[in-house]
Amino acid sequence: MNNVSMNQLLSQLRETAVLAGGGKSTGGEAGNQINFTEVLTNAVDKVNDMQQQAGKLSDAFVSGDKSIDLAQVMVAGQKANISFQAMVQVRNKLVSAYQEIMNMQI
């Protein structure tokens, strides 16, 4: 992985951390509210896009496209796999939190 893609990945992780932390930034604008559904939908869409991109690269490599090497295909596949696994873990935590809330006595 080169420095540019590593910096992009770190930037995306920081952006996601800010969103997960309630969107609190140093600007402190009181009018900004983050919609949880929108954040979750965007995250799922990003995972889907990564999987689609990995599939396209894989198909192009298998069909004999000389501009795509095996390393690109493998890196894209691993990125898609890691992002999917992270999304599954987020889902598991959300389900666990929901179950815990539902089991609370009023």
PDB file of N, CA and C in Angstrom:
ATOM      1  N   MET A   1       0.862  -1.165   0.000  1.00  0.00           N
ATOM      2  CA  MET A   1       0.000   0.000   0.000  1.00  0.00           C
ATOM      3  C   MET A   1       0.905   1.223   0.000  1.00  0.00           C
ATOM      4  N   ASN A   2       0.618   2.158  -0.858  1.00  0.00           N
ATOM      5  CA  ASN A   2       1.470   3.341  -0.923  1.00  0.00           C
ATOM      6  C   ASN A   2       1.011   4.396   0.080  1.00  0.00           C
ATOM      7  N   ASN A   3       1.795   5.463   0.200  1.00  0.00           N
ATOM      8  CA  ASN A   3       1.518   6.498   1.202  1.00  0.00           C
ATOM      9  C   ASN A   3       0.221   7.239   0.929  1.00  0.00           C
ATOM     10  N   VAL A   4      -0.112   7.449  -0.348  1.00  0.00           N
ATOM     11  CA  VAL A   4      -1.331   8.187  -0.682  1.00  0.00           C
ATOM     12  C   VAL A   4      -2.551   7.412  -0.224  1.00  0.00           C
ATOM     13  N   SER A   5      -2.620   6.124  -0.529  1.00  0.00           N
ATOM     14  CA  SER A   5      -3.788   5.352  -0.120  1.00  0.00           C
ATOM     15  C   SER A   5      -3.822   5.168   1.391  1.00  0.00           C
ATOM     16  N   MET A   6      -2.675   5.073   2.024  1.00  0.00           N
ATOM     17  CA  MET A   6      -2.631   4.963   3.482  1.00  0.00           C
ATOM     18  C   MET A   6      -3.150   6.249   4.119  1.00  0.00           C
ATOM     19  N   ASN A   7      -2.770   7.404   3.560  1.00  0.00           N
ATOM     20  CA  ASN A   7      -3.263   8.684   4.084  1.00  0.00           C
ATOM     21  C   ASN A   7      -4.761   8.820   3.868  1.00  0.00           C
ATOM     22  N   GLN A   8      -5.257   8.357   2.720  1.00  0.00           N
ATOM     23  CA  GLN A   8      -6.688   8.402   2.466  1.00  0.00           C
ATOM     24  C   GLN A   8      -7.438   7.517   3.453  1.00  0.00           C
ATOM     25  N   LEU A   9      -6.897   6.338   3.723  1.00  0.00           N
ATOM     26  CA  LEU A   9      -7.518   5.427   4.679  1.00  0.00           C
ATOM     27  C   LEU A   9      -7.542   6.027   6.076  1.00  0.00           C
ATOM     28  N   LEU A  10      -6.443   6.630   6.491  1.00  0.00           N
ATOM     29  CA  LEU A  10      -6.399   7.279   7.800  1.00  0.00           C
ATOM     30  C   LEU A  10      -7.380   8.437   7.884  1.00  0.00           C
ATOM     31  N   SER A  11      -7.495   9.182   6.802  1.00  0.00           N
ATOM     32  CA  SER A  11      -8.442  10.292   6.762  1.00  0.00           C
ATOM     33  C   SER A  11      -9.877   9.795   6.913  1.00  0.00           C
ATOM     34  N   GLN A  12     -10.204   8.704   6.222  1.00  0.00           N
ATOM     35  CA  GLN A  12     -11.540   8.132   6.325  1.00  0.00           C
ATOM     36  C   GLN A  12     -11.811   7.622   7.734  1.00  0.00           C
ATOM     37  N   LEU A  13     -10.811   6.992   8.349  1.00  0.00           N
ATOM     38  CA  LEU A  13     -10.976   6.501   9.715  1.00  0.00           C
ATOM     39  C   LEU A  13     -11.197   7.648  10.696  1.00  0.00           C
ATOM     40  N   ARG A  14     -10.463   8.749  10.522  1.00  0.00           N
ATOM     41  CA  ARG A  14     -10.644   9.901  11.405  1.00  0.00           C
ATOM     42  C   ARG A  14     -12.027  10.520  11.222  1.00  0.00           C
ATOM     43  N   GLU A  15     -12.470  10.601   9.967  1.00  0.00           N
ATOM     44  CA  GLU A  15     -13.799  11.149   9.678  1.00  0.00           C
ATOM     45  C   GLU A  15     -14.880  10.292  10.321  1.00  0.00           C
ATOM     46  N   THR A  16     -14.733   8.975  10.218  1.00  0.00           N
ATOM     47  CA  THR A  16     -15.697   8.066  10.823  1.00  0.00           C
ATOM     48  C   THR A  16     -15.670   8.182  12.338  1.00  0.00           C
ATOM     49  N   ALA A  17     -14.492   8.346  12.913  1.00  0.00           N
ATOM     50  CA  ALA A  17     -14.384   8.503  14.364  1.00  0.00           C
ATOM     51  C   ALA A  17     -15.074   9.773  14.827  1.00  0.00           C
ATOM     52  N   VAL A  18     -14.936  10.851  14.070  1.00  0.00           N
ATOM     53  CA  VAL A  18     -15.604  12.101  14.423  1.00  0.00           C
ATOM     54  C   VAL A  18     -17.111  11.925  14.364  1.00  0.00           C
ATOM     55  N   LEU A  19     -17.588  11.247  13.313  1.00  0.00           N
ATOM     56  CA  LEU A  19     -19.017  11.015  13.190  1.00  0.00           C
ATOM     57  C   LEU A  19     -19.528  10.106  14.303  1.00  0.00           C
ATOM     58  N   ALA A  20     -18.768   9.089  14.648  1.00  0.00           N
ATOM     59  CA  ALA A  20     -19.184   8.163  15.693  1.00  0.00           C
ATOM     60  C   ALA A  20     -19.174   8.831  17.065  1.00  0.00           C
ATOM     61  N   GLY A  21     -18.310   9.802  17.239  1.00  0.00           N
ATOM     62  CA  GLY A  21     -18.220  10.501  18.514  1.00  0.00           C
ATOM     63  C   GLY A  21     -19.249  11.600  18.671  1.00  0.00           C
ATOM     64  N   GLY A  22     -20.210  11.659  17.796  1.00  0.00           N
ATOM     65  CA  GLY A  22     -21.244  12.674  17.899  1.00  0.00           C
ATOM     66  C   GLY A  22     -20.990  13.868  17.017  1.00  0.00           C
ATOM     67  N   GLY A  23     -19.984  13.785  16.185  1.00  0.00           N
ATOM     68  CA  GLY A  23     -19.715  14.858  15.249  1.00  0.00           C
ATOM     69  C   GLY A  23     -19.146  16.099  15.894  1.00  0.00           C
ATOM     70  N   LYS A  24     -18.602  15.975  17.098  1.00  0.00           N
ATOM     71  CA  LYS A  24     -18.056  17.130  17.796  1.00  0.00           C
ATOM     72  C   LYS A  24     -16.713  17.489  17.194  1.00  0.00           C
ATOM     73  N   SER A  25     -16.633  18.682  16.720  1.00  0.00           N
ATOM     74  CA  SER A  25     -15.372  19.161  16.158  1.00  0.00           C
ATOM     75  C   SER A  25     -14.968  20.417  16.903  1.00  0.00           C
ATOM     76  N   THR A  26     -13.830  20.959  16.559  1.00  0.00           N
ATOM     77  CA  THR A  26     -13.356  22.151  17.246  1.00  0.00           C
ATOM     78  C   THR A  26     -14.164  23.387  16.860  1.00  0.00           C
ATOM     79  N   GLY A  27     -14.908  23.321  15.756  1.00  0.00           N
ATOM     80  CA  GLY A  27     -15.719  24.456  15.330  1.00  0.00           C
ATOM     81  C   GLY A  27     -16.862  24.721  16.278  1.00  0.00           C
ATOM     82  N   GLY A  28     -17.511  23.671  16.784  1.00  0.00           N
ATOM     83  CA  GLY A  28     -18.549  23.795  17.787  1.00  0.00           C
ATOM     84  C   GLY A  28     -19.821  24.449  17.295  1.00  0.00           C
ATOM     85  N   GLU A  29     -20.234  24.183  16.083  1.00  0.00           N
ATOM     86  CA  GLU A  29     -21.480  24.744  15.579  1.00  0.00           C
ATOM     87  C   GLU A  29     -22.648  24.024  16.238  1.00  0.00           C
ATOM     88  N   ALA A  30     -23.521  24.776  16.881  1.00  0.00           N
ATOM     89  CA  ALA A  30     -24.627  24.185  17.622  1.00  0.00           C
ATOM     90  C   ALA A  30     -25.737  23.691  16.699  1.00  0.00           C
ATOM     91  N   GLY A  31     -25.849  24.208  15.502  1.00  0.00           N
ATOM     92  CA  GLY A  31     -26.932  23.848  14.600  1.00  0.00           C
ATOM     93  C   GLY A  31     -26.726  22.530  13.885  1.00  0.00           C
ATOM     94  N   ASN A  32     -25.536  21.978  13.933  1.00  0.00           N
ATOM     95  CA  ASN A  32     -25.270  20.712  13.240  1.00  0.00           C
ATOM     96  C   ASN A  32     -25.721  19.542  14.087  1.00  0.00           C
ATOM     97  N   GLN A  33     -26.601  18.720  13.491  1.00  0.00           N
ATOM     98  CA  GLN A  33     -27.010  17.481  14.130  1.00  0.00           C
ATOM     99  C   GLN A  33     -26.767  16.368  13.134  1.00  0.00           C
ATOM    100  N   ILE A  34     -26.271  15.247  13.635  1.00  0.00           N
ATOM    101  CA  ILE A  34     -25.957  14.134  12.761  1.00  0.00           C
ATOM    102  C   ILE A  34     -27.049  13.086  12.900  1.00  0.00           C
ATOM    103  N   ASN A  35     -27.568  12.677  11.777  1.00  0.00           N
ATOM    104  CA  ASN A  35     -28.614  11.675  11.733  1.00  0.00           C
ATOM    105  C   ASN A  35     -27.957  10.300  11.754  1.00  0.00           C
ATOM    106  N   PHE A  36     -28.251   9.502  12.769  1.00  0.00           N
ATOM    107  CA  PHE A  36     -27.640   8.184  12.916  1.00  0.00           C
ATOM    108  C   PHE A  36     -27.950   7.299  11.716  1.00  0.00           C
ATOM    109  N   THR A  37     -29.168   7.338  11.246  1.00  0.00           N
ATOM    110  CA  THR A  37     -29.562   6.522  10.099  1.00  0.00           C
ATOM    111  C   THR A  37     -28.744   6.888   8.871  1.00  0.00           C
ATOM    112  N   GLU A  38     -28.528   8.166   8.671  1.00  0.00           N
ATOM    113  CA  GLU A  38     -27.754   8.622   7.516  1.00  0.00           C
ATOM    114  C   GLU A  38     -26.297   8.159   7.606  1.00  0.00           C
ATOM    115  N   VAL A  39     -25.720   8.252   8.795  1.00  0.00           N
ATOM    116  CA  VAL A  39     -24.331   7.817   8.989  1.00  0.00           C
ATOM    117  C   VAL A  39     -24.211   6.326   8.731  1.00  0.00           C
ATOM    118  N   LEU A  40     -25.147   5.552   9.260  1.00  0.00           N
ATOM    119  CA  LEU A  40     -25.115   4.103   9.076  1.00  0.00           C
ATOM    120  C   LEU A  40     -25.337   3.729   7.614  1.00  0.00           C
ATOM    121  N   THR A  41     -26.250   4.404   6.953  1.00  0.00           N
ATOM    122  CA  THR A  41     -26.503   4.143   5.534  1.00  0.00           C
ATOM    123  C   THR A  41     -25.278   4.470   4.694  1.00  0.00           C
ATOM    124  N   ASN A  42     -24.623   5.586   4.983  1.00  0.00           N
ATOM    125  CA  ASN A  42     -23.405   5.951   4.253  1.00  0.00           C
ATOM    126  C   ASN A  42     -22.303   4.924   4.460  1.00  0.00           C
ATOM    127  N   ALA A  43     -22.172   4.422   5.675  1.00  0.00           N
ATOM    128  CA  ALA A  43     -21.149   3.408   5.954  1.00  0.00           C
ATOM    129  C   ALA A  43     -21.428   2.125   5.179  1.00  0.00           C
ATOM    130  N   VAL A  44     -22.685   1.702   5.158  1.00  0.00           N
ATOM    131  CA  VAL A  44     -23.046   0.490   4.409  1.00  0.00           C
ATOM    132  C   VAL A  44     -22.818   0.711   2.916  1.00  0.00           C
ATOM    133  N   ASP A  45     -23.145   1.887   2.427  1.00  0.00           N
ATOM    134  CA  ASP A  45     -22.919   2.188   1.011  1.00  0.00           C
ATOM    135  C   ASP A  45     -21.434   2.156   0.662  1.00  0.00           C
ATOM    136  N   LYS A  46     -20.583   2.662   1.559  1.00  0.00           N
ATOM    137  CA  LYS A  46     -19.135   2.628   1.311  1.00  0.00           C
ATOM    138  C   LYS A  46     -18.627   1.195   1.250  1.00  0.00           C
ATOM    139  N   VAL A  47     -19.117   0.351   2.156  1.00  0.00           N
ATOM    140  CA  VAL A  47     -18.725  -1.062   2.147  1.00  0.00           C
ATOM    141  C   VAL A  47     -19.173  -1.710   0.848  1.00  0.00           C
ATOM    142  N   ASN A  48     -20.388  -1.424   0.439  1.00  0.00           N
ATOM    143  CA  ASN A  48     -20.901  -1.977  -0.813  1.00  0.00           C
ATOM    144  C   ASN A  48     -20.068  -1.516  -2.003  1.00  0.00           C
ATOM    145  N   ASP A  49     -19.711  -0.237  -2.023  1.00  0.00           N
ATOM    146  CA  ASP A  49     -18.888   0.281  -3.118  1.00  0.00           C
ATOM    147  C   ASP A  49     -17.536  -0.412  -3.173  1.00  0.00           C
ATOM    148  N   MET A  50     -16.943  -0.643  -2.003  1.00  0.00           N
ATOM    149  CA  MET A  50     -15.647  -1.323  -1.973  1.00  0.00           C
ATOM    150  C   MET A  50     -15.766  -2.749  -2.493  1.00  0.00           C
ATOM    151  N   GLN A  51     -16.851  -3.426  -2.143  1.00  0.00           N
ATOM    152  CA  GLN A  51     -17.053  -4.788  -2.624  1.00  0.00           C
ATOM    153  C   GLN A  51     -17.301  -4.805  -4.130  1.00  0.00           C
ATOM    154  N   GLN A  52     -18.062  -3.838  -4.615  1.00  0.00           N
ATOM    155  CA  GLN A  52     -18.315  -3.759  -6.058  1.00  0.00           C
ATOM    156  C   GLN A  52     -17.023  -3.495  -6.818  1.00  0.00           C
ATOM    157  N   GLN A  53     -16.206  -2.591  -6.295  1.00  0.00           N
ATOM    158  CA  GLN A  53     -14.936  -2.267  -6.942  1.00  0.00           C
ATOM    159  C   GLN A  53     -14.018  -3.482  -6.961  1.00  0.00           C
ATOM    160  N   ALA A  54     -13.951  -4.208  -5.855  1.00  0.00           N
ATOM    161  CA  ALA A  54     -13.112  -5.406  -5.792  1.00  0.00           C
ATOM    162  C   ALA A  54     -13.608  -6.457  -6.782  1.00  0.00           C
ATOM    163  N   GLY A  55     -14.913  -6.595  -6.908  1.00  0.00           N
ATOM    164  CA  GLY A  55     -15.474  -7.550  -7.863  1.00  0.00           C
ATOM    165  C   GLY A  55     -15.158  -7.180  -9.297  1.00  0.00           C
ATOM    166  N   LYS A  56     -15.239  -5.890  -9.610  1.00  0.00           N
ATOM    167  CA  LYS A  56     -14.928  -5.435 -10.970  1.00  0.00           C
ATOM    168  C   LYS A  56     -13.454  -5.659 -11.301  1.00  0.00           C
ATOM    169  N   LEU A  57     -12.583  -5.349 -10.336  1.00  0.00           N
ATOM    170  CA  LEU A  57     -11.156  -5.573 -10.563  1.00  0.00           C
ATOM    171  C   LEU A  57     -10.867  -7.059 -10.760  1.00  0.00           C
ATOM    172  N   SER A  58     -11.498  -7.887  -9.960  1.00  0.00           N
ATOM    173  CA  SER A  58     -11.300  -9.328 -10.074  1.00  0.00           C
ATOM    174  C   SER A  58     -11.780  -9.841 -11.430  1.00  0.00           C
ATOM    175  N   ASP A  59     -12.949  -9.395 -11.849  1.00  0.00           N
ATOM    176  CA  ASP A  59     -13.482  -9.813 -13.153  1.00  0.00           C
ATOM    177  C   ASP A  59     -12.584  -9.362 -14.288  1.00  0.00           C
ATOM    178  N   ALA A  60     -12.081  -8.124 -14.188  1.00  0.00           N
ATOM    179  CA  ALA A  60     -11.199  -7.610 -15.235  1.00  0.00           C
ATOM    180  C   ALA A  60      -9.890  -8.391 -15.273  1.00  0.00           C
ATOM    181  N   PHE A  61      -9.364  -8.748 -14.109  1.00  0.00           N
ATOM    182  CA  PHE A  61      -8.116  -9.519 -14.069  1.00  0.00           C
ATOM    183  C   PHE A  61      -8.318 -10.910 -14.659  1.00  0.00           C
ATOM    184  N   VAL A  62      -9.427 -11.541 -14.301  1.00  0.00           N
ATOM    185  CA  VAL A  62      -9.712 -12.885 -14.803  1.00  0.00           C
ATOM    186  C   VAL A  62      -9.938 -12.869 -16.307  1.00  0.00           C
ATOM    187  N   SER A  63     -10.522 -11.788 -16.821  1.00  0.00           N
ATOM    188  CA  SER A  63     -10.776 -11.716 -18.257  1.00  0.00           C
ATOM    189  C   SER A  63      -9.522 -11.384 -19.050  1.00  0.00           C
ATOM    190  N   GLY A  64      -8.421 -11.071 -18.364  1.00  0.00           N
ATOM    191  CA  GLY A  64      -7.149 -10.884 -19.053  1.00  0.00           C
ATOM    192  C   GLY A  64      -6.752  -9.448 -19.293  1.00  0.00           C
ATOM    193  N   ASP A  65      -7.320  -8.513 -18.563  1.00  0.00           N
ATOM    194  CA  ASP A  65      -6.952  -7.108 -18.709  1.00  0.00           C
ATOM    195  C   ASP A  65      -5.510  -6.926 -18.232  1.00  0.00           C
ATOM    196  N   LYS A  66      -4.628  -6.485 -19.123  1.00  0.00           N
ATOM    197  CA  LYS A  66      -3.199  -6.357 -18.807  1.00  0.00           C
ATOM    198  C   LYS A  66      -2.886  -5.153 -17.928  1.00  0.00           C
ATOM    199  N   SER A  67      -3.808  -4.194 -17.798  1.00  0.00           N
ATOM    200  CA  SER A  67      -3.543  -3.002 -16.989  1.00  0.00           C
ATOM    201  C   SER A  67      -3.755  -3.257 -15.493  1.00  0.00           C
ATOM    202  N   ILE A  68      -4.304  -4.413 -15.153  1.00  0.00           N
ATOM    203  CA  ILE A  68      -4.583  -4.735 -13.758  1.00  0.00           C
ATOM    204  C   ILE A  68      -3.698  -5.898 -13.340  1.00  0.00           C
ATOM    205  N   ASP A  69      -2.949  -5.690 -12.255  1.00  0.00           N
ATOM    206  CA  ASP A  69      -2.101  -6.772 -11.772  1.00  0.00           C
ATOM    207  C   ASP A  69      -2.743  -7.451 -10.565  1.00  0.00           C
ATOM    208  N   LEU A  70      -2.202  -8.583 -10.228  1.00  0.00           N
ATOM    209  CA  LEU A  70      -2.752  -9.392  -9.151  1.00  0.00           C
ATOM    210  C   LEU A  70      -2.719  -8.663  -7.805  1.00  0.00           C
ATOM    211  N   ALA A  71      -1.695  -7.863  -7.579  1.00  0.00           N
ATOM    212  CA  ALA A  71      -1.578  -7.137  -6.310  1.00  0.00           C
ATOM    213  C   ALA A  71      -2.754  -6.183  -6.115  1.00  0.00           C
ATOM    214  N   GLN A  72      -3.147  -5.481  -7.180  1.00  0.00           N
ATOM    215  CA  GLN A  72      -4.297  -4.575  -7.088  1.00  0.00           C
ATOM    216  C   GLN A  72      -5.558  -5.339  -6.707  1.00  0.00           C
ATOM    217  N   VAL A  73      -5.742  -6.479  -7.341  1.00  0.00           N
ATOM    218  CA  VAL A  73      -6.931  -7.291  -7.089  1.00  0.00           C
ATOM    219  C   VAL A  73      -6.948  -7.775  -5.643  1.00  0.00           C
ATOM    220  N   MET A  74      -5.805  -8.246  -5.167  1.00  0.00           N
ATOM    221  CA  MET A  74      -5.730  -8.773  -3.807  1.00  0.00           C
ATOM    222  C   MET A  74      -5.920  -7.673  -2.766  1.00  0.00           C
ATOM    223  N   VAL A  75      -5.331  -6.514  -2.982  1.00  0.00           N
ATOM    224  CA  VAL A  75      -5.477  -5.404  -2.034  1.00  0.00           C
ATOM    225  C   VAL A  75      -6.930  -4.935  -1.997  1.00  0.00           C
ATOM    226  N   ALA A  76      -7.553  -4.805  -3.151  1.00  0.00           N
ATOM    227  CA  ALA A  76      -8.953  -4.378  -3.190  1.00  0.00           C
ATOM    228  C   ALA A  76      -9.844  -5.408  -2.501  1.00  0.00           C
ATOM    229  N   GLY A  77      -9.556  -6.678  -2.714  1.00  0.00           N
ATOM    230  CA  GLY A  77     -10.335  -7.732  -2.064  1.00  0.00           C
ATOM    231  C   GLY A  77     -10.172  -7.710  -0.555  1.00  0.00           C
ATOM    232  N   GLN A  78      -8.954  -7.490  -0.077  1.00  0.00           N
ATOM    233  CA  GLN A  78      -8.717  -7.439   1.356  1.00  0.00           C
ATOM    234  C   GLN A  78      -9.357  -6.201   1.999  1.00  0.00           C
ATOM    235  N   LYS A  79      -9.301  -5.073   1.299  1.00  0.00           N
ATOM    236  CA  LYS A  79      -9.964  -3.861   1.808  1.00  0.00           C
ATOM    237  C   LYS A  79     -11.469  -4.098   1.945  1.00  0.00           C
ATOM    238  N   ALA A  80     -12.049  -4.715   0.924  1.00  0.00           N
ATOM    239  CA  ALA A  80     -13.486  -5.000   0.961  1.00  0.00           C
ATOM    240  C   ALA A  80     -13.804  -5.975   2.087  1.00  0.00           C
ATOM    241  N   ASN A  81     -12.959  -6.975   2.268  1.00  0.00           N
ATOM    242  CA  ASN A  81     -13.183  -7.962   3.319  1.00  0.00           C
ATOM    243  C   ASN A  81     -13.087  -7.335   4.700  1.00  0.00           C
ATOM    244  N   ILE A  82     -12.079  -6.512   4.921  1.00  0.00           N
ATOM    245  CA  ILE A  82     -11.905  -5.870   6.221  1.00  0.00           C
ATOM    246  C   ILE A  82     -13.060  -4.918   6.516  1.00  0.00           C
ATOM    247  N   SER A  83     -13.471  -4.149   5.523  1.00  0.00           N
ATOM    248  CA  SER A  83     -14.579  -3.222   5.749  1.00  0.00           C
ATOM    249  C   SER A  83     -15.878  -3.982   6.025  1.00  0.00           C
ATOM    250  N   PHE A  84     -16.065  -5.114   5.348  1.00  0.00           N
ATOM    251  CA  PHE A  84     -17.266  -5.922   5.593  1.00  0.00           C
ATOM    252  C   PHE A  84     -17.235  -6.511   7.003  1.00  0.00           C
ATOM    253  N   GLN A  85     -16.088  -7.024   7.414  1.00  0.00           N
ATOM    254  CA  GLN A  85     -15.972  -7.589   8.755  1.00  0.00           C
ATOM    255  C   GLN A  85     -16.210  -6.518   9.825  1.00  0.00           C
ATOM    256  N   ALA A  86     -15.717  -5.322   9.590  1.00  0.00           N
ATOM    257  CA  ALA A  86     -15.958  -4.227  10.530  1.00  0.00           C
ATOM    258  C   ALA A  86     -17.447  -3.901  10.606  1.00  0.00           C
ATOM    259  N   MET A  87     -18.107  -3.897   9.449  1.00  0.00           N
ATOM    260  CA  MET A  87     -19.542  -3.621   9.426  1.00  0.00           C
ATOM    261  C   MET A  87     -20.321  -4.715  10.167  1.00  0.00           C
ATOM    262  N   VAL A  88     -19.902  -5.958  10.029  1.00  0.00           N
ATOM    263  CA  VAL A  88     -20.555  -7.054  10.749  1.00  0.00           C
ATOM    264  C   VAL A  88     -20.388  -6.869  12.255  1.00  0.00           C
ATOM    265  N   GLN A  89     -19.213  -6.445  12.690  1.00  0.00           N
ATOM    266  CA  GLN A  89     -18.985  -6.228  14.116  1.00  0.00           C
ATOM    267  C   GLN A  89     -19.838  -5.074  14.649  1.00  0.00           C
ATOM    268  N   VAL A  90     -19.983  -4.025  13.855  1.00  0.00           N
ATOM    269  CA  VAL A  90     -20.854  -2.911  14.252  1.00  0.00           C
ATOM    270  C   VAL A  90     -22.288  -3.402  14.383  1.00  0.00           C
ATOM    271  N   ARG A  91     -22.727  -4.203  13.417  1.00  0.00           N
ATOM    272  CA  ARG A  91     -24.078  -4.754  13.485  1.00  0.00           C
ATOM    273  C   ARG A  91     -24.253  -5.602  14.738  1.00  0.00           C
ATOM    274  N   ASN A  92     -23.264  -6.442  15.048  1.00  0.00           N
ATOM    275  CA  ASN A  92     -23.350  -7.288  16.235  1.00  0.00           C
ATOM    276  C   ASN A  92     -23.454  -6.453  17.506  1.00  0.00           C
ATOM    277  N   LYS A  93     -22.685  -5.375  17.579  1.00  0.00           N
ATOM    278  CA  LYS A  93     -22.750  -4.502  18.751  1.00  0.00           C
ATOM    279  C   LYS A  93     -24.112  -3.818  18.855  1.00  0.00           C
ATOM    280  N   LEU A  94     -24.658  -3.398  17.723  1.00  0.00           N
ATOM    281  CA  LEU A  94     -25.978  -2.757  17.736  1.00  0.00           C
ATOM    282  C   LEU A  94     -27.059  -3.727  18.183  1.00  0.00           C
ATOM    283  N   VAL A  95     -27.000  -4.961  17.693  1.00  0.00           N
ATOM    284  CA  VAL A  95     -27.981  -5.974  18.093  1.00  0.00           C
ATOM    285  C   VAL A  95     -27.838  -6.276  19.577  1.00  0.00           C
ATOM    286  N   SER A  96     -26.609  -6.380  20.043  1.00  0.00           N
ATOM    287  CA  SER A  96     -26.369  -6.638  21.461  1.00  0.00           C
ATOM    288  C   SER A  96     -26.913  -5.501  22.327  1.00  0.00           C
ATOM    289  N   ALA A  97     -26.680  -4.271  21.910  1.00  0.00           N
ATOM    290  CA  ALA A  97     -27.194  -3.116  22.661  1.00  0.00           C
ATOM    291  C   ALA A  97     -28.715  -3.108  22.657  1.00  0.00           C
ATOM    292  N   TYR A  98     -29.319  -3.420  21.519  1.00  0.00           N
ATOM    293  CA  TYR A  98     -30.783  -3.470  21.430  1.00  0.00           C
ATOM    294  C   TYR A  98     -31.331  -4.531  22.370  1.00  0.00           C
ATOM    295  N   GLN A  99     -30.716  -5.717  22.368  1.00  0.00           N
ATOM    296  CA  GLN A  99     -31.183  -6.792  23.245  1.00  0.00           C
ATOM    297  C   GLN A  99     -31.042  -6.417  24.717  1.00  0.00           C
ATOM    298  N   GLU A 100     -29.960  -5.746  25.047  1.00  0.00           N
ATOM    299  CA  GLU A 100     -29.746  -5.324  26.427  1.00  0.00           C
ATOM    300  C   GLU A 100     -30.806  -4.315  26.851  1.00  0.00           C
ATOM    301  N   ILE A 101     -31.134  -3.396  25.965  1.00  0.00           N
ATOM    302  CA  ILE A 101     -32.167  -2.399  26.270  1.00  0.00           C
ATOM    303  C   ILE A 101     -33.524  -3.072  26.422  1.00  0.00           C
ATOM    304  N   MET A 102     -33.810  -4.035  25.552  1.00  0.00           N
ATOM    305  CA  MET A 102     -35.100  -4.709  25.621  1.00  0.00           C
ATOM    306  C   MET A 102     -35.237  -5.572  26.892  1.00  0.00           C
ATOM    307  N   ASN A 103     -34.132  -6.043  27.432  1.00  0.00           N
ATOM    308  CA  ASN A 103     -34.168  -6.869  28.640  1.00  0.00           C
ATOM    309  C   ASN A 103     -34.190  -6.050  29.919  1.00  0.00           C
ATOM    310  N   MET A 104     -34.059  -4.733  29.812  1.00  0.00           N
ATOM    311  CA  MET A 104     -34.107  -3.884  31.002  1.00  0.00           C
ATOM    312  C   MET A 104     -35.514  -3.873  31.566  1.00  0.00           C
ATOM    313  N   GLN A 105     -35.577  -3.919  32.899  1.00  0.00           N
ATOM    314  CA  GLN A 105     -36.877  -3.832  33.539  1.00  0.00           C
ATOM    315  C   GLN A 105     -37.225  -2.369  33.785  1.00  0.00           C
ATOM    316  N   ILE A 106     -38.485  -2.065  33.594  1.00  0.00           N
ATOM    317  CA  ILE A 106     -38.917  -0.684  33.731  1.00  0.00           C
ATOM    318  C   ILE A 106     -39.340  -0.408  35.158  1.00  0.00           C
TER     319      ILE A 106
END
